[in-house]
PDB file of N, CA and C in Angstrom:
ATOM      1  N   MET A   1     105.049 231.104   3.118  1.00  0.00           N
ATOM      2  CA  MET A   1     104.600 232.046   4.107  1.00  0.00           C
ATOM      3  C   MET A   1     105.667 232.282   5.171  1.00  0.00           C
ATOM      4  N   ILE A   2     106.368 231.234   5.502  1.00  0.00           N
ATOM      5  CA  ILE A   2     107.445 231.376   6.480  1.00  0.00           C
ATOM      6  C   ILE A   2     108.506 232.323   5.939  1.00  0.00           C
ATOM      7  N   ALA A   3     108.724 232.286   4.627  1.00  0.00           N
ATOM      8  CA  ALA A   3     109.712 233.179   4.012  1.00  0.00           C
ATOM      9  C   ALA A   3     109.334 234.643   4.217  1.00  0.00           C
ATOM     10  N   LEU A   4     108.047 234.950   4.221  1.00  0.00           N
ATOM     11  CA  LEU A   4     107.614 236.331   4.465  1.00  0.00           C
ATOM     12  C   LEU A   4     108.041 236.800   5.851  1.00  0.00           C
ATOM     13  N   ILE A   5     107.983 235.899   6.801  1.00  0.00           N
ATOM     14  CA  ILE A   5     108.400 236.234   8.164  1.00  0.00           C
ATOM     15  C   ILE A   5     109.925 236.315   8.236  1.00  0.00           C
ATOM     16  N   GLU A   6     110.589 235.330   7.645  1.00  0.00           N
ATOM     17  CA  GLU A   6     112.055 235.291   7.693  1.00  0.00           C
ATOM     18  C   GLU A   6     112.692 236.500   7.020  1.00  0.00           C
ATOM     19  N   HIS A   7     112.044 237.046   5.999  1.00  0.00           N
ATOM     20  CA  HIS A   7     112.573 238.210   5.289  1.00  0.00           C
ATOM     21  C   HIS A   7     111.984 239.520   5.807  1.00  0.00           C
ATOM     22  N   ASN A   8     111.352 239.448   6.963  1.00  0.00           N
ATOM     23  CA  ASN A   8     110.789 240.623   7.636  1.00  0.00           C
ATOM     24  C   ASN A   8     109.786 241.397   6.783  1.00  0.00           C
ATOM     25  N   VAL A   9     109.069 240.679   5.923  1.00  0.00           N
ATOM     26  CA  VAL A   9     107.994 241.299   5.155  1.00  0.00           C
ATOM     27  C   VAL A   9     106.762 241.434   6.044  1.00  0.00           C
ATOM     28  N   LEU A  10     106.510 240.394   6.831  1.00  0.00           N
ATOM     29  CA  LEU A  10     105.407 240.381   7.790  1.00  0.00           C
ATOM     30  C   LEU A  10     105.918 239.834   9.114  1.00  0.00           C
ATOM     31  N   THR A  11     105.290 240.247  10.203  1.00  0.00           N
ATOM     32  CA  THR A  11     105.565 239.600  11.483  1.00  0.00           C
ATOM     33  C   THR A  11     104.702 238.345  11.553  1.00  0.00           C
ATOM     34  N   LYS A  12     105.064 237.460  12.463  1.00  0.00           N
ATOM     35  CA  LYS A  12     104.261 236.254  12.639  1.00  0.00           C
ATOM     36  C   LYS A  12     102.834 236.631  12.993  1.00  0.00           C
ATOM     37  N   MET A  13     102.662 237.621  13.848  1.00  0.00           N
ATOM     38  CA  MET A  13     101.326 238.035  14.259  1.00  0.00           C
ATOM     39  C   MET A  13     100.526 238.578  13.076  1.00  0.00           C
ATOM     40  N   GLN A  14     101.164 239.347  12.211  1.00  0.00           N
ATOM     41  CA  GLN A  14     100.466 239.875  11.033  1.00  0.00           C
ATOM     42  C   GLN A  14      99.997 238.739  10.126  1.00  0.00           C
ATOM     43  N   LEU A  15     100.831 237.737   9.956  1.00  0.00           N
ATOM     44  CA  LEU A  15     100.461 236.610   9.114  1.00  0.00           C
ATOM     45  C   LEU A  15      99.314 235.818   9.739  1.00  0.00           C
ATOM     46  N   VAL A  16      99.390 235.578  11.034  1.00  0.00           N
ATOM     47  CA  VAL A  16      98.317 234.865  11.728  1.00  0.00           C
ATOM     48  C   VAL A  16      97.008 235.644  11.613  1.00  0.00           C
ATOM     49  N   GLU A  17      97.068 236.959  11.761  1.00  0.00           N
ATOM     50  CA  GLU A  17      95.867 237.787  11.639  1.00  0.00           C
ATOM     51  C   GLU A  17      95.314 237.767  10.217  1.00  0.00           C
ATOM     52  N   ALA A  18      96.186 237.767   9.217  1.00  0.00           N
ATOM     53  CA  ALA A  18      95.735 237.705   7.821  1.00  0.00           C
ATOM     54  C   ALA A  18      95.032 236.376   7.545  1.00  0.00           C
ATOM     55  N   ILE A  19      95.582 235.306   8.076  1.00  0.00           N
ATOM     56  CA  ILE A  19      94.947 234.000   7.901  1.00  0.00           C
ATOM     57  C   ILE A  19      93.613 233.973   8.635  1.00  0.00           C
ATOM     58  N   ASP A  20      93.549 234.600   9.805  1.00  0.00           N
ATOM     59  CA  ASP A  20      92.296 234.679  10.555  1.00  0.00           C
ATOM     60  C   ASP A  20      91.217 235.384   9.734  1.00  0.00           C
ATOM     61  N   THR A  21      91.597 236.433   9.045  1.00  0.00           N
ATOM     62  CA  THR A  21      90.653 237.145   8.176  1.00  0.00           C
ATOM     63  C   THR A  21      90.160 236.226   7.060  1.00  0.00           C
ATOM     64  N   ALA A  22      91.065 235.460   6.478  1.00  0.00           N
ATOM     65  CA  ALA A  22      90.679 234.525   5.416  1.00  0.00           C
ATOM     66  C   ALA A  22      89.740 233.445   5.947  1.00  0.00           C
ATOM     67  N   ILE A  23      90.002 232.963   7.160  1.00  0.00           N
ATOM     68  CA  ILE A  23      89.130 231.965   7.781  1.00  0.00           C
ATOM     69  C   ILE A  23      87.734 232.540   7.971  1.00  0.00           C
ATOM     70  N   SER A  24      87.660 233.732   8.508  1.00  0.00           N
ATOM     71  CA  SER A  24      86.360 234.380   8.723  1.00  0.00           C
ATOM     72  C   SER A  24      85.604 234.556   7.414  1.00  0.00           C
ATOM     73  N   THR A  25      86.321 234.946   6.376  1.00  0.00           N
ATOM     74  CA  THR A  25      85.700 235.133   5.062  1.00  0.00           C
ATOM     75  C   THR A  25      85.151 233.818   4.528  1.00  0.00           C
ATOM     76  N   LYS A  26      85.929 232.759   4.622  1.00  0.00           N
ATOM     77  CA  LYS A  26      85.472 231.456   4.132  1.00  0.00           C
ATOM     78  C   LYS A  26      84.277 230.954   4.936  1.00  0.00           C
ATOM     79  N   ARG A  27      84.286 231.166   6.245  1.00  0.00           N
ATOM     80  CA  ARG A  27      83.142 230.745   7.063  1.00  0.00           C
ATOM     81  C   ARG A  27      81.890 231.527   6.685  1.00  0.00           C
ATOM     82  N   LYS A  28      82.039 232.812   6.439  1.00  0.00           N
ATOM     83  CA  LYS A  28      80.912 233.652   6.022  1.00  0.00           C
ATOM     84  C   LYS A  28      80.398 233.195   4.658  1.00  0.00           C
ATOM     85  N   MET A  29      81.322 232.872   3.755  1.00  0.00           N
ATOM     86  CA  MET A  29      80.913 232.373   2.442  1.00  0.00           C
ATOM     87  C   MET A  29      80.096 231.091   2.584  1.00  0.00           C
ATOM     88  N   ALA A  30      80.517 230.203   3.481  1.00  0.00           N
ATOM     89  CA  ALA A  30      79.789 228.955   3.705  1.00  0.00           C
ATOM     90  C   ALA A  30      78.392 229.247   4.251  1.00  0.00           C
ATOM     91  N   GLU A  31      78.299 230.181   5.202  1.00  0.00           N
ATOM     92  CA  GLU A  31      76.999 230.565   5.766  1.00  0.00           C
ATOM     93  C   GLU A  31      76.077 231.139   4.703  1.00  0.00           C
ATOM     94  N   ASP A  32      76.659 231.887   3.775  1.00  0.00           N
ATOM     95  CA  ASP A  32      75.880 232.538   2.719  1.00  0.00           C
ATOM     96  C   ASP A  32      75.576 231.607   1.548  1.00  0.00           C
ATOM     97  N   GLY A  33      76.076 230.384   1.609  1.00  0.00           N
ATOM     98  CA  GLY A  33      75.802 229.419   0.556  1.00  0.00           C
ATOM     99  C   GLY A  33      76.741 229.479  -0.630  1.00  0.00           C
ATOM    100  N   GLN A  34      77.798 230.273  -0.530  1.00  0.00           N
ATOM    101  CA  GLN A  34      78.792 230.339  -1.605  1.00  0.00           C
ATOM    102  C   GLN A  34      79.724 229.144  -1.492  1.00  0.00           C
ATOM    103  N   ASP A  35      79.831 228.401  -2.549  1.00  0.00           N
ATOM    104  CA  ASP A  35      80.681 227.204  -2.554  1.00  0.00           C
ATOM    105  C   ASP A  35      80.494 226.393  -1.268  1.00  0.00           C
ATOM    106  N   PRO A  36      79.266 225.933  -1.001  1.00  0.00           N
ATOM    107  CA  PRO A  36      78.979 225.275   0.279  1.00  0.00           C
ATOM    108  C   PRO A  36      79.787 224.013   0.546  1.00  0.00           C
ATOM    109  N   GLU A  37      80.291 223.383  -0.504  1.00  0.00           N
ATOM    110  CA  GLU A  37      81.105 222.184  -0.299  1.00  0.00           C
ATOM    111  C   GLU A  37      82.569 222.532  -0.054  1.00  0.00           C
ATOM    112  N   VAL A  38      83.032 223.611  -0.645  1.00  0.00           N
ATOM    113  CA  VAL A  38      84.452 223.955  -0.591  1.00  0.00           C
ATOM    114  C   VAL A  38      84.785 224.892   0.567  1.00  0.00           C
ATOM    115  N   SER A  39      83.951 225.882   0.806  1.00  0.00           N
ATOM    116  CA  SER A  39      84.272 226.918   1.799  1.00  0.00           C
ATOM    117  C   SER A  39      84.552 226.377   3.198  1.00  0.00           C
ATOM    118  N   PRO A  40      83.741 225.447   3.732  1.00  0.00           N
ATOM    119  CA  PRO A  40      84.060 224.936   5.075  1.00  0.00           C
ATOM    120  C   PRO A  40      85.380 224.169   5.118  1.00  0.00           C
ATOM    121  N   ILE A  41      85.666 223.446   4.051  1.00  0.00           N
ATOM    122  CA  ILE A  41      86.931 222.701   3.992  1.00  0.00           C
ATOM    123  C   ILE A  41      88.103 223.674   3.931  1.00  0.00           C
ATOM    124  N   ALA A  42      87.959 224.717   3.121  1.00  0.00           N
ATOM    125  CA  ALA A  42      89.017 225.731   3.020  1.00  0.00           C
ATOM    126  C   ALA A  42      89.242 226.407   4.367  1.00  0.00           C
ATOM    127  N   ALA A  43      88.160 226.709   5.080  1.00  0.00           N
ATOM    128  CA  ALA A  43      88.288 227.330   6.401  1.00  0.00           C
ATOM    129  C   ALA A  43      89.042 226.407   7.355  1.00  0.00           C
ATOM    130  N   GLY A  44      88.747 225.123   7.294  1.00  0.00           N
ATOM    131  CA  GLY A  44      89.441 224.154   8.140  1.00  0.00           C
ATOM    132  C   GLY A  44      90.921 224.052   7.817  1.00  0.00           C
ATOM    133  N   LEU A  45      91.237 224.037   6.539  1.00  0.00           N
ATOM    134  CA  LEU A  45      92.649 223.984   6.136  1.00  0.00           C
ATOM    135  C   LEU A  45      93.392 225.248   6.560  1.00  0.00           C
ATOM    136  N   LEU A  46      92.750 226.384   6.403  1.00  0.00           N
ATOM    137  CA  LEU A  46      93.371 227.644   6.828  1.00  0.00           C
ATOM    138  C   LEU A  46      93.592 227.659   8.340  1.00  0.00           C
ATOM    139  N   ALA A  47      92.635 227.122   9.090  1.00  0.00           N
ATOM    140  CA  ALA A  47      92.781 227.066  10.549  1.00  0.00           C
ATOM    141  C   ALA A  47      93.966 226.185  10.936  1.00  0.00           C
ATOM    142  N   ALA A  48      94.127 225.068  10.241  1.00  0.00           N
ATOM    143  CA  ALA A  48      95.271 224.189  10.513  1.00  0.00           C
ATOM    144  C   ALA A  48      96.583 224.894  10.185  1.00  0.00           C
ATOM    145  N   LEU A  49      96.603 225.604   9.076  1.00  0.00           N
ATOM    146  CA  LEU A  49      97.792 226.368   8.692  1.00  0.00           C
ATOM    147  C   LEU A  49      98.110 227.436   9.733  1.00  0.00           C
ATOM    148  N   GLN A  50      97.081 228.128  10.191  1.00  0.00           N
ATOM    149  CA  GLN A  50      97.264 229.180  11.191  1.00  0.00           C
ATOM    150  C   GLN A  50      97.848 228.602  12.482  1.00  0.00           C
ATOM    151  N   THR A  51      97.330 227.476  12.913  1.00  0.00           N
ATOM    152  CA  THR A  51      97.833 226.826  14.122  1.00  0.00           C
ATOM    153  C   THR A  51      99.293 226.427  13.953  1.00  0.00           C
ATOM    154  N   SER A  52      99.620 225.909  12.790  1.00  0.00           N
ATOM    155  CA  SER A  52     100.995 225.498  12.515  1.00  0.00           C
ATOM    156  C   SER A  52     101.949 226.687  12.555  1.00  0.00           C
ATOM    157  N   ILE A  53     101.586 227.768  11.902  1.00  0.00           N
ATOM    158  CA  ILE A  53     102.440 228.959  11.886  1.00  0.00           C
ATOM    159  C   ILE A  53     102.566 229.546  13.287  1.00  0.00           C
ATOM    160  N   ALA A  54     101.472 229.593  14.013  1.00  0.00           N
ATOM    161  CA  ALA A  54     101.494 230.158  15.365  1.00  0.00           C
ATOM    162  C   ALA A  54     102.356 229.329  16.314  1.00  0.00           C
ATOM    163  N   SER A  55     102.526 228.040  16.016  1.00  0.00           N
ATOM    164  CA  SER A  55     103.290 227.171  16.916  1.00  0.00           C
ATOM    165  C   SER A  55     104.800 227.364  16.804  1.00  0.00           C
ATOM    166  N   PHE A  56     105.259 228.005  15.744  1.00  0.00           N
ATOM    167  CA  PHE A  56     106.685 228.240  15.589  1.00  0.00           C
ATOM    168  C   PHE A  56     107.116 229.390  16.489  1.00  0.00           C
ATOM    169  N   ALA A  57     107.867 229.071  17.528  1.00  0.00           N
ATOM    170  CA  ALA A  57     108.282 230.087  18.497  1.00  0.00           C
ATOM    171  C   ALA A  57     109.432 230.941  17.983  1.00  0.00           C
ATOM    172  N   ASN A  58     110.234 230.412  17.097  1.00  0.00           N
ATOM    173  CA  ASN A  58     111.453 231.102  16.681  1.00  0.00           C
ATOM    174  C   ASN A  58     111.289 232.003  15.477  1.00  0.00           C
ATOM    175  N   ILE A  59     110.096 232.102  14.943  1.00  0.00           N
ATOM    176  CA  ILE A  59     109.933 232.956  13.764  1.00  0.00           C
ATOM    177  C   ILE A  59     109.118 234.169  14.101  1.00  0.00           C
TER     178      ILE A  59
END
């Protein structure tokens, strides 16, 4: 994912927003009972990834 930013395919903000959309989708899936064991964990992992990417000031 960092390579997408480094090669100017996406801005850091675009990537963070895309991950935010994925987090929202996974949370909604969990609420709707889709993959109730996996969806909340996936949302948590995506949130951690988003925080990590957002913390890089130089990209």
